[in-house]
Amino acid sequence: LIRIRTHLTIAKQREQIESQNLNLQSEISDRKR
């Protein structure tokens, strides 16, 4: 259970970071334009 909890948390945080990076890249592109 504790290993599952740990890796589910890591996976969720990774998805959030990837989503934030995509939003940031989109914002940077919009600002450049």
Full PDB file with SEQRES, HELIX, SHEET, SSBOND, CRYST1, ORIGX, SCALE, CONECT and MASTER records, all heavy atoms in Angstrom:
SEQRES   1 A   33  LEU ILE ARG ILE ARG THR HIS LEU THR ILE ALA LYS GLN          
SEQRES   2 A   33  ARG GLU GLN ILE GLU SER GLN ASN LEU ASN LEU GLN SER          
SEQRES   3 A   33  GLU ILE SER ASP ARG LYS ARG                                  
HELIX    1 AA1 ILE A    2  LYS A   32  1                                  31    
CRYST1    1.000    1.000    1.000  90.00  90.00  90.00 P 1           1          
ORIGX1      1.000000  0.000000  0.000000        0.00000                         
ORIGX2      0.000000  1.000000  0.000000        0.00000                         
ORIGX3      0.000000  0.000000  1.000000        0.00000                         
SCALE1      1.000000  0.000000  0.000000        0.00000                         
SCALE2      0.000000  1.000000  0.000000        0.00000                         
SCALE3      0.000000  0.000000  1.000000        0.00000                         
ATOM      1  N   LEU A   1       0.816  -1.206   0.000  1.00  0.00           N  
ATOM      2  CA  LEU A   1       0.000   0.000   0.000  1.00  0.00           C  
ATOM      3  C   LEU A   1       0.855   1.264   0.000  1.00  0.00           C  
ATOM      4  O   LEU A   1       0.571   2.225  -0.727  1.00  0.00           O  
ATOM      5  CB  LEU A   1      -0.928   0.005   1.215  1.00  0.00           C  
ATOM      6  CG  LEU A   1      -2.074  -1.013   1.200  1.00  0.00           C  
ATOM      7  CD1 LEU A   1      -2.873  -0.941   2.491  1.00  0.00           C  
ATOM      8  CD2 LEU A   1      -2.995  -0.773   0.004  1.00  0.00           C  
ATOM      9  N   ILE A   2       1.903   1.271   0.837  1.00  0.00           N  
ATOM     10  CA  ILE A   2       2.708   2.485   0.937  1.00  0.00           C  
ATOM     11  C   ILE A   2       3.486   2.729  -0.344  1.00  0.00           C  
ATOM     12  O   ILE A   2       3.686   3.873  -0.771  1.00  0.00           O  
ATOM     13  CB  ILE A   2       3.645   2.431   2.167  1.00  0.00           C  
ATOM     14  CG1 ILE A   2       4.061   3.854   2.569  1.00  0.00           C  
ATOM     15  CG2 ILE A   2       4.865   1.571   1.907  1.00  0.00           C  
ATOM     16  CD1 ILE A   2       2.951   4.697   3.104  1.00  0.00           C  
ATOM     17  N   ARG A   3       3.925   1.657  -1.013  1.00  0.00           N  
ATOM     18  CA  ARG A   3       4.638   1.829  -2.295  1.00  0.00           C  
ATOM     19  C   ARG A   3       3.688   2.312  -3.384  1.00  0.00           C  
ATOM     20  O   ARG A   3       4.036   3.178  -4.198  1.00  0.00           O  
ATOM     21  CB  ARG A   3       5.322   0.523  -2.695  1.00  0.00           C  
ATOM     22  CG  ARG A   3       6.504   0.150  -1.808  1.00  0.00           C  
ATOM     23  CD  ARG A   3       7.167  -1.136  -2.281  1.00  0.00           C  
ATOM     24  NE  ARG A   3       8.191  -1.561  -1.343  1.00  0.00           N  
ATOM     25  CZ  ARG A   3       9.472  -1.176  -1.388  1.00  0.00           C  
ATOM     26  NH1 ARG A   3       9.856  -0.326  -2.320  1.00  0.00           N  
ATOM     27  NH2 ARG A   3      10.343  -1.618  -0.503  1.00  0.00           N  
ATOM     28  N   ILE A   4       2.480   1.784  -3.384  1.00  0.00           N  
ATOM     29  CA  ILE A   4       1.485   2.235  -4.365  1.00  0.00           C  
ATOM     30  C   ILE A   4       1.160   3.711  -4.138  1.00  0.00           C  
ATOM     31  O   ILE A   4       1.094   4.511  -5.079  1.00  0.00           O  
ATOM     32  CB  ILE A   4       0.214   1.371  -4.280  1.00  0.00           C  
ATOM     33  CG1 ILE A   4       0.486  -0.029  -4.838  1.00  0.00           C  
ATOM     34  CG2 ILE A   4      -0.942   2.031  -5.034  1.00  0.00           C  
ATOM     35  CD1 ILE A   4      -0.675  -0.980  -4.681  1.00  0.00           C  
ATOM     36  N   ARG A   5       0.927   4.064  -2.869  1.00  0.00           N  
ATOM     37  CA  ARG A   5       0.622   5.455  -2.547  1.00  0.00           C  
ATOM     38  C   ARG A   5       1.737   6.384  -3.008  1.00  0.00           C  
ATOM     39  O   ARG A   5       1.487   7.440  -3.600  1.00  0.00           O  
ATOM     40  CB  ARG A   5       0.410   5.606  -1.040  1.00  0.00           C  
ATOM     41  CG  ARG A   5       0.204   7.036  -0.569  1.00  0.00           C  
ATOM     42  CD  ARG A   5       0.086   7.090   0.941  1.00  0.00           C  
ATOM     43  NE  ARG A   5      -0.064   8.447   1.408  1.00  0.00           N  
ATOM     44  CZ  ARG A   5       0.926   9.289   1.663  1.00  0.00           C  
ATOM     45  NH1 ARG A   5       2.185   8.886   1.480  1.00  0.00           N  
ATOM     46  NH2 ARG A   5       0.693  10.513   2.087  1.00  0.00           N  
ATOM     47  N   THR A   6       2.985   5.998  -2.758  1.00  0.00           N  
ATOM     48  CA  THR A   6       4.126   6.838  -3.126  1.00  0.00           C  
ATOM     49  C   THR A   6       4.183   7.072  -4.626  1.00  0.00           C  
ATOM     50  O   THR A   6       4.331   8.218  -5.093  1.00  0.00           O  
ATOM     51  CB  THR A   6       5.439   6.189  -2.649  1.00  0.00           C  
ATOM     52  OG1 THR A   6       5.417   6.094  -1.226  1.00  0.00           O  
ATOM     53  CG2 THR A   6       6.641   7.013  -3.088  1.00  0.00           C  
ATOM     54  N   HIS A   7       4.038   6.017  -5.398  1.00  0.00           N  
ATOM     55  CA  HIS A   7       4.215   6.151  -6.851  1.00  0.00           C  
ATOM     56  C   HIS A   7       2.985   6.756  -7.527  1.00  0.00           C  
ATOM     57  O   HIS A   7       3.119   7.404  -8.579  1.00  0.00           O  
ATOM     58  CB  HIS A   7       4.579   4.792  -7.453  1.00  0.00           C  
ATOM     59  CG  HIS A   7       5.945   4.332  -7.052  1.00  0.00           C  
ATOM     60  ND1 HIS A   7       7.088   4.950  -7.491  1.00  0.00           N  
ATOM     61  CD2 HIS A   7       6.352   3.334  -6.214  1.00  0.00           C  
ATOM     62  CE1 HIS A   7       8.147   4.353  -6.963  1.00  0.00           C  
ATOM     63  NE2 HIS A   7       7.722   3.371  -6.187  1.00  0.00           N  
ATOM     64  N   LEU A   8       1.803   6.587  -6.941  1.00  0.00           N  
ATOM     65  CA  LEU A   8       0.642   7.309  -7.462  1.00  0.00           C  
ATOM     66  C   LEU A   8       0.812   8.808  -7.246  1.00  0.00           C  
ATOM     67  O   LEU A   8       0.471   9.619  -8.114  1.00  0.00           O  
ATOM     68  CB  LEU A   8      -0.638   6.820  -6.781  1.00  0.00           C  
ATOM     69  CG  LEU A   8      -1.200   5.464  -7.229  1.00  0.00           C  
ATOM     70  CD1 LEU A   8      -2.410   5.089  -6.384  1.00  0.00           C  
ATOM     71  CD2 LEU A   8      -1.574   5.492  -8.704  1.00  0.00           C  
ATOM     72  N   THR A   9       1.343   9.176  -6.089  1.00  0.00           N  
ATOM     73  CA  THR A   9       1.585  10.598  -5.794  1.00  0.00           C  
ATOM     74  C   THR A   9       2.627  11.186  -6.744  1.00  0.00           C  
ATOM     75  O   THR A   9       2.452  12.283  -7.287  1.00  0.00           O  
ATOM     76  CB  THR A   9       2.064  10.766  -4.340  1.00  0.00           C  
ATOM     77  OG1 THR A   9       1.074  10.235  -3.456  1.00  0.00           O  
ATOM     78  CG2 THR A   9       2.301  12.235  -4.019  1.00  0.00           C  
ATOM     79  N   ILE A  10       3.712  10.430  -6.962  1.00  0.00           N  
ATOM     80  CA  ILE A  10       4.766  10.900  -7.872  1.00  0.00           C  
ATOM     81  C   ILE A  10       4.224  11.065  -9.282  1.00  0.00           C  
ATOM     82  O   ILE A  10       4.499  12.069  -9.967  1.00  0.00           O  
ATOM     83  CB  ILE A  10       5.958   9.925  -7.855  1.00  0.00           C  
ATOM     84  CG1 ILE A  10       6.659   9.959  -6.494  1.00  0.00           C  
ATOM     85  CG2 ILE A  10       6.949  10.257  -8.970  1.00  0.00           C  
ATOM     86  CD1 ILE A  10       7.738   8.915  -6.331  1.00  0.00           C  
ATOM     87  N   ALA A  11       3.430  10.080  -9.726  1.00  0.00           N  
ATOM     88  CA  ALA A  11       2.871  10.143 -11.085  1.00  0.00           C  
ATOM     89  C   ALA A  11       1.937  11.338 -11.241  1.00  0.00           C  
ATOM     90  O   ALA A  11       1.949  12.028 -12.272  1.00  0.00           O  
ATOM     91  CB  ALA A  11       2.131   8.850 -11.403  1.00  0.00           C  
ATOM     92  N   LYS A  12       1.124  11.600 -10.209  1.00  0.00           N  
ATOM     93  CA  LYS A  12       0.212  12.733 -10.273  1.00  0.00           C  
ATOM     94  C   LYS A  12       0.970  14.050 -10.314  1.00  0.00           C  
ATOM     95  O   LYS A  12       0.634  14.964 -11.086  1.00  0.00           O  
ATOM     96  CB  LYS A  12      -0.727  12.697  -9.070  1.00  0.00           C  
ATOM     97  CG  LYS A  12      -1.793  13.778  -9.084  1.00  0.00           C  
ATOM     98  CD  LYS A  12      -2.739  13.630  -7.912  1.00  0.00           C  
ATOM     99  CE  LYS A  12      -3.829  14.694  -7.950  1.00  0.00           C  
ATOM    100  NZ  LYS A  12      -4.770  14.554  -6.795  1.00  0.00           N  
ATOM    101  N   GLN A  13       2.008  14.158  -9.499  1.00  0.00           N  
ATOM    102  CA  GLN A  13       2.817  15.381  -9.494  1.00  0.00           C  
ATOM    103  C   GLN A  13       3.526  15.576 -10.827  1.00  0.00           C  
ATOM    104  O   GLN A  13       3.651  16.702 -11.316  1.00  0.00           O  
ATOM    105  CB  GLN A  13       3.829  15.317  -8.347  1.00  0.00           C  
ATOM    106  CG  GLN A  13       3.201  15.416  -6.967  1.00  0.00           C  
ATOM    107  CD  GLN A  13       4.205  15.234  -5.853  1.00  0.00           C  
ATOM    108  OE1 GLN A  13       5.317  14.729  -6.067  1.00  0.00           O  
ATOM    109  NE2 GLN A  13       3.827  15.615  -4.644  1.00  0.00           N  
ATOM    110  N   ARG A  14       3.994  14.483 -11.423  1.00  0.00           N  
ATOM    111  CA  ARG A  14       4.645  14.579 -12.726  1.00  0.00           C  
ATOM    112  C   ARG A  14       3.668  15.082 -13.783  1.00  0.00           C  
ATOM    113  O   ARG A  14       4.010  15.935 -14.614  1.00  0.00           O  
ATOM    114  CB  ARG A  14       5.178  13.204 -13.124  1.00  0.00           C  
ATOM    115  CG  ARG A  14       5.971  13.212 -14.446  1.00  0.00           C  
ATOM    116  CD  ARG A  14       6.190  11.802 -14.944  1.00  0.00           C  
ATOM    117  NE  ARG A  14       4.916  11.189 -15.303  1.00  0.00           N  
ATOM    118  CZ  ARG A  14       4.701   9.880 -15.337  1.00  0.00           C  
ATOM    119  NH1 ARG A  14       5.662   9.046 -14.995  1.00  0.00           N  
ATOM    120  NH2 ARG A  14       3.515   9.401 -15.689  1.00  0.00           N  
ATOM    121  N   GLU A  15       2.433  14.573 -13.762  1.00  0.00           N  
ATOM    122  CA  GLU A  15       1.430  15.041 -14.714  1.00  0.00           C  
ATOM    123  C   GLU A  15       1.146  16.531 -14.531  1.00  0.00           C  
ATOM    124  O   GLU A  15       0.981  17.271 -15.510  1.00  0.00           O  
ATOM    125  CB  GLU A  15       0.142  14.238 -14.546  1.00  0.00           C  
ATOM    126  CG  GLU A  15       0.249  12.782 -15.000  1.00  0.00           C  
ATOM    127  CD  GLU A  15      -1.045  12.026 -14.763  1.00  0.00           C  
ATOM    128  OE1 GLU A  15      -1.995  12.653 -14.238  1.00  0.00           O  
ATOM    129  OE2 GLU A  15      -1.105  10.832 -15.098  1.00  0.00           O  
ATOM    130  N   GLN A  16       1.081  16.966 -13.274  1.00  0.00           N  
ATOM    131  CA  GLN A  16       0.831  18.383 -13.010  1.00  0.00           C  
ATOM    132  C   GLN A  16       1.969  19.249 -13.535  1.00  0.00           C  
ATOM    133  O   GLN A  16       1.736  20.312 -14.133  1.00  0.00           O  
ATOM    134  CB  GLN A  16       0.645  18.605 -11.510  1.00  0.00           C  
ATOM    135  CG  GLN A  16      -0.641  18.009 -10.949  1.00  0.00           C  
ATOM    136  CD  GLN A  16      -0.737  18.140  -9.439  1.00  0.00           C  
ATOM    137  OE1 GLN A  16       0.255  18.424  -8.771  1.00  0.00           O  
ATOM    138  NE2 GLN A  16      -1.929  17.945  -8.898  1.00  0.00           N  
ATOM    139  N   ILE A  17       3.202  18.780 -13.317  1.00  0.00           N  
ATOM    140  CA  ILE A  17       4.361  19.541 -13.793  1.00  0.00           C  
ATOM    141  C   ILE A  17       4.372  19.596 -15.318  1.00  0.00           C  
ATOM    142  O   ILE A  17       4.636  20.654 -15.910  1.00  0.00           O  
ATOM    143  CB  ILE A  17       5.662  18.910 -13.263  1.00  0.00           C  
ATOM    144  CG1 ILE A  17       5.752  19.097 -11.747  1.00  0.00           C  
ATOM    145  CG2 ILE A  17       6.886  19.523 -13.945  1.00  0.00           C  
ATOM    146  CD1 ILE A  17       6.912  18.366 -11.110  1.00  0.00           C  
ATOM    147  N   GLU A  18       4.080  18.474 -15.962  1.00  0.00           N  
ATOM    148  CA  GLU A  18       4.050  18.443 -17.429  1.00  0.00           C  
ATOM    149  C   GLU A  18       2.967  19.368 -17.962  1.00  0.00           C  
ATOM    150  O   GLU A  18       3.164  20.071 -18.964  1.00  0.00           O  
ATOM    151  CB  GLU A  18       3.832  17.017 -17.910  1.00  0.00           C  
ATOM    152  CG  GLU A  18       5.023  16.095 -17.682  1.00  0.00           C  
ATOM    153  CD  GLU A  18       4.744  14.669 -18.111  1.00  0.00           C  
ATOM    154  OE1 GLU A  18       3.554  14.368 -18.405  1.00  0.00           O  
ATOM    155  OE2 GLU A  18       5.691  13.868 -18.158  1.00  0.00           O  
ATOM    156  N   SER A  19       1.814  19.368 -17.291  1.00  0.00           N  
ATOM    157  CA  SER A  19       0.728  20.261 -17.717  1.00  0.00           C  
ATOM    158  C   SER A  19       1.125  21.724 -17.547  1.00  0.00           C  
ATOM    159  O   SER A  19       0.868  22.562 -18.425  1.00  0.00           O  
ATOM    160  CB  SER A  19      -0.534  19.952 -16.907  1.00  0.00           C  
ATOM    161  OG  SER A  19      -1.568  20.848 -17.222  1.00  0.00           O  
ATOM    162  N   GLN A  20       1.771  22.025 -16.425  1.00  0.00           N  
ATOM    163  CA  GLN A  20       2.230  23.402 -16.192  1.00  0.00           C  
ATOM    164  C   GLN A  20       3.280  23.804 -17.218  1.00  0.00           C  
ATOM    165  O   GLN A  20       3.283  24.952 -17.692  1.00  0.00           O  
ATOM    166  CB  GLN A  20       2.790  23.521 -14.777  1.00  0.00           C  
ATOM    167  CG  GLN A  20       1.737  23.424 -13.688  1.00  0.00           C  
ATOM    168  CD  GLN A  20       2.336  23.364 -12.298  1.00  0.00           C  
ATOM    169  OE1 GLN A  20       3.546  23.273 -12.132  1.00  0.00           O  
ATOM    170  NE2 GLN A  20       1.492  23.406 -11.276  1.00  0.00           N  
ATOM    171  N   ASN A  21       4.166  22.879 -17.572  1.00  0.00           N  
ATOM    172  CA  ASN A  21       5.185  23.181 -18.586  1.00  0.00           C  
ATOM    173  C   ASN A  21       4.560  23.468 -19.942  1.00  0.00           C  
ATOM    174  O   ASN A  21       4.986  24.374 -20.663  1.00  0.00           O  
ATOM    175  CB  ASN A  21       6.169  22.014 -18.703  1.00  0.00           C  
ATOM    176  CG  ASN A  21       7.127  21.941 -17.528  1.00  0.00           C  
ATOM    177  OD1 ASN A  21       7.337  22.930 -16.841  1.00  0.00           O  
ATOM    178  ND2 ASN A  21       7.709  20.786 -17.288  1.00  0.00           N  
ATOM    179  N   LEU A  22       3.532  22.671 -20.285  1.00  0.00           N  
ATOM    180  CA  LEU A  22       2.845  22.909 -21.558  1.00  0.00           C  
ATOM    181  C   LEU A  22       2.170  24.275 -21.562  1.00  0.00           C  
ATOM    182  O   LEU A  22       2.228  25.001 -22.561  1.00  0.00           O  
ATOM    183  CB  LEU A  22       1.813  21.804 -21.806  1.00  0.00           C  
ATOM    184  CG  LEU A  22       2.365  20.410 -22.155  1.00  0.00           C  
ATOM    185  CD1 LEU A  22       1.217  19.401 -22.255  1.00  0.00           C  
ATOM    186  CD2 LEU A  22       3.145  20.454 -23.473  1.00  0.00           C  
ATOM    187  N   ASN A  23       1.521  24.608 -20.446  1.00  0.00           N  
ATOM    188  CA  ASN A  23       0.875  25.916 -20.354  1.00  0.00           C  
ATOM    189  C   ASN A  23       1.899  27.040 -20.428  1.00  0.00           C  
ATOM    190  O   ASN A  23       1.661  28.076 -21.067  1.00  0.00           O  
ATOM    191  CB  ASN A  23       0.082  26.024 -19.045  1.00  0.00           C  
ATOM    192  CG  ASN A  23      -1.113  25.098 -19.016  1.00  0.00           C  
ATOM    193  OD1 ASN A  23      -1.632  24.718 -20.060  1.00  0.00           O  
ATOM    194  ND2 ASN A  23      -1.555  24.722 -17.824  1.00  0.00           N  
ATOM    195  N   LEU A  24       3.048  26.819 -19.764  1.00  0.00           N  
ATOM    196  CA  LEU A  24       4.100  27.830 -19.779  1.00  0.00           C  
ATOM    197  C   LEU A  24       4.666  28.005 -21.187  1.00  0.00           C  
ATOM    198  O   LEU A  24       4.894  29.134 -21.642  1.00  0.00           O  
ATOM    199  CB  LEU A  24       5.214  27.439 -18.812  1.00  0.00           C  
ATOM    200  CG  LEU A  24       6.385  28.422 -18.678  1.00  0.00           C  
ATOM    201  CD1 LEU A  24       5.884  29.778 -18.215  1.00  0.00           C  
ATOM    202  CD2 LEU A  24       7.432  27.883 -17.718  1.00  0.00           C  
ATOM    203  N   GLN A  25       4.895  26.898 -21.885  1.00  0.00           N  
ATOM    204  CA  GLN A  25       5.398  26.983 -23.253  1.00  0.00           C  
ATOM    205  C   GLN A  25       4.405  27.694 -24.155  1.00  0.00           C  
ATOM    206  O   GLN A  25       4.785  28.499 -25.018  1.00  0.00           O  
ATOM    207  CB  GLN A  25       5.690  25.580 -23.777  1.00  0.00           C  
ATOM    208  CG  GLN A  25       6.876  24.896 -23.104  1.00  0.00           C  
ATOM    209  CD  GLN A  25       7.052  23.463 -23.545  1.00  0.00           C  
ATOM    210  OE1 GLN A  25       6.341  22.982 -24.438  1.00  0.00           O  
ATOM    211  NE2 GLN A  25       7.984  22.757 -22.932  1.00  0.00           N  
ATOM    212  N   SER A  26       3.122  27.409 -23.956  1.00  0.00           N  
ATOM    213  CA  SER A  26       2.092  28.080 -24.750  1.00  0.00           C  
ATOM    214  C   SER A  26       2.070  29.574 -24.454  1.00  0.00           C  
ATOM    215  O   SER A  26       1.949  30.404 -25.369  1.00  0.00           O  
ATOM    216  CB  SER A  26       0.725  27.459 -24.445  1.00  0.00           C  
ATOM    217  OG  SER A  26      -0.305  28.134 -25.119  1.00  0.00           O  
ATOM    218  N   GLU A  27       2.210  29.925 -23.174  1.00  0.00           N  
ATOM    219  CA  GLU A  27       2.232  31.336 -22.793  1.00  0.00           C  
ATOM    220  C   GLU A  27       3.442  32.050 -23.371  1.00  0.00           C  
ATOM    221  O   GLU A  27       3.336  33.187 -23.845  1.00  0.00           O  
ATOM    222  CB  GLU A  27       2.232  31.451 -21.266  1.00  0.00           C  
ATOM    223  CG  GLU A  27       2.169  32.882 -20.764  1.00  0.00           C  
ATOM    224  CD  GLU A  27       2.141  32.968 -19.251  1.00  0.00           C  
ATOM    225  OE1 GLU A  27       1.911  31.932 -18.609  1.00  0.00           O  
ATOM    226  OE2 GLU A  27       2.346  34.076 -18.721  1.00  0.00           O  
ATOM    227  N   ILE A  28       4.599  31.370 -23.351  1.00  0.00           N  
ATOM    228  CA  ILE A  28       5.816  31.956 -23.922  1.00  0.00           C  
ATOM    229  C   ILE A  28       5.641  32.191 -25.413  1.00  0.00           C  
ATOM    230  O   ILE A  28       6.026  33.243 -25.943  1.00  0.00           O  
ATOM    231  CB  ILE A  28       7.024  31.048 -23.643  1.00  0.00           C  
ATOM    232  CG1 ILE A  28       7.356  31.053 -22.145  1.00  0.00           C  
ATOM    233  CG2 ILE A  28       8.240  31.506 -24.440  1.00  0.00           C  
ATOM    234  CD1 ILE A  28       8.427  30.061 -21.756  1.00  0.00           C  
ATOM    235  N   SER A  29       5.053  31.214 -26.097  1.00  0.00           N  
ATOM    236  CA  SER A  29       4.823  31.358 -27.540  1.00  0.00           C  
ATOM    237  C   SER A  29       3.879  32.511 -27.824  1.00  0.00           C  
ATOM    238  O   SER A  29       4.099  33.299 -28.756  1.00  0.00           O  
ATOM    239  CB  SER A  29       4.255  30.050 -28.109  1.00  0.00           C  
ATOM    240  OG  SER A  29       5.168  28.993 -27.959  1.00  0.00           O  
ATOM    241  N   ASP A  30       2.815  32.618 -27.017  1.00  0.00           N  
ATOM    242  CA  ASP A  30       1.863  33.714 -27.211  1.00  0.00           C  
ATOM    243  C   ASP A  30       2.537  35.064 -26.986  1.00  0.00           C  
ATOM    244  O   ASP A  30       2.297  36.028 -27.724  1.00  0.00           O  
ATOM    245  CB  ASP A  30       0.682  33.556 -26.251  1.00  0.00           C  
ATOM    246  CG  ASP A  30      -0.203  32.365 -26.602  1.00  0.00           C  
ATOM    247  OD1 ASP A  30      -0.098  31.885 -27.740  1.00  0.00           O  
ATOM    248  OD2 ASP A  30      -0.959  31.914 -25.726  1.00  0.00           O  
ATOM    249  N   ARG A  31       3.400  35.130 -25.964  1.00  0.00           N  
ATOM    250  CA  ARG A  31       4.083  36.397 -25.686  1.00  0.00           C  
ATOM    251  C   ARG A  31       5.051  36.760 -26.805  1.00  0.00           C  
ATOM    252  O   ARG A  31       5.172  37.933 -27.172  1.00  0.00           O  
ATOM    253  CB  ARG A  31       4.838  36.295 -24.356  1.00  0.00           C  
ATOM    254  CG  ARG A  31       3.923  36.300 -23.144  1.00  0.00           C  
ATOM    255  CD  ARG A  31       4.715  36.390 -21.856  1.00  0.00           C  
ATOM    256  NE  ARG A  31       3.850  36.468 -20.688  1.00  0.00           N  
ATOM    257  CZ  ARG A  31       4.266  36.640 -19.451  1.00  0.00           C  
ATOM    258  NH1 ARG A  31       5.572  36.754 -19.217  1.00  0.00           N  
ATOM    259  NH2 ARG A  31       3.417  36.698 -18.434  1.00  0.00           N  
ATOM    260  N   LYS A  32       5.743  35.760 -27.333  1.00  0.00           N  
ATOM    261  CA  LYS A  32       6.667  36.035 -28.435  1.00  0.00           C  
ATOM    262  C   LYS A  32       5.916  36.566 -29.652  1.00  0.00           C  
ATOM    263  O   LYS A  32       6.364  37.509 -30.308  1.00  0.00           O  
ATOM    264  CB  LYS A  32       7.438  34.760 -28.796  1.00  0.00           C  
ATOM    265  CG  LYS A  32       8.518  34.389 -27.789  1.00  0.00           C  
ATOM    266  CD  LYS A  32       9.288  33.160 -28.239  1.00  0.00           C  
ATOM    267  CE  LYS A  32      10.418  32.833 -27.257  1.00  0.00           C  
ATOM    268  NZ  LYS A  32      11.174  31.619 -27.680  1.00  0.00           N  
ATOM    269  N   ARG A  33       4.778  35.942 -29.942  1.00  0.00           N  
ATOM    270  CA  ARG A  33       3.983  36.425 -31.078  1.00  0.00           C  
ATOM    271  C   ARG A  33       3.485  37.846 -30.824  1.00  0.00           C  
ATOM    272  O   ARG A  33       3.469  38.688 -31.736  1.00  0.00           O  
ATOM    273  CB  ARG A  33       2.804  35.482 -31.330  1.00  0.00           C  
ATOM    274  CG  ARG A  33       3.194  34.153 -31.960  1.00  0.00           C  
ATOM    275  CD  ARG A  33       1.973  33.409 -32.464  1.00  0.00           C  
ATOM    276  NE  ARG A  33       1.133  32.961 -31.369  1.00  0.00           N  
ATOM    277  CZ  ARG A  33       1.242  31.790 -30.767  1.00  0.00           C  
ATOM    278  NH1 ARG A  33       2.178  30.942 -31.172  1.00  0.00           N  
ATOM    279  NH2 ARG A  33       0.430  31.452 -29.781  1.00  0.00           N  
TER     280      ARG A  33                                                      
MASTER        0    0    0    1    0    0    0    6  279    1    0    3          
END                                                                             
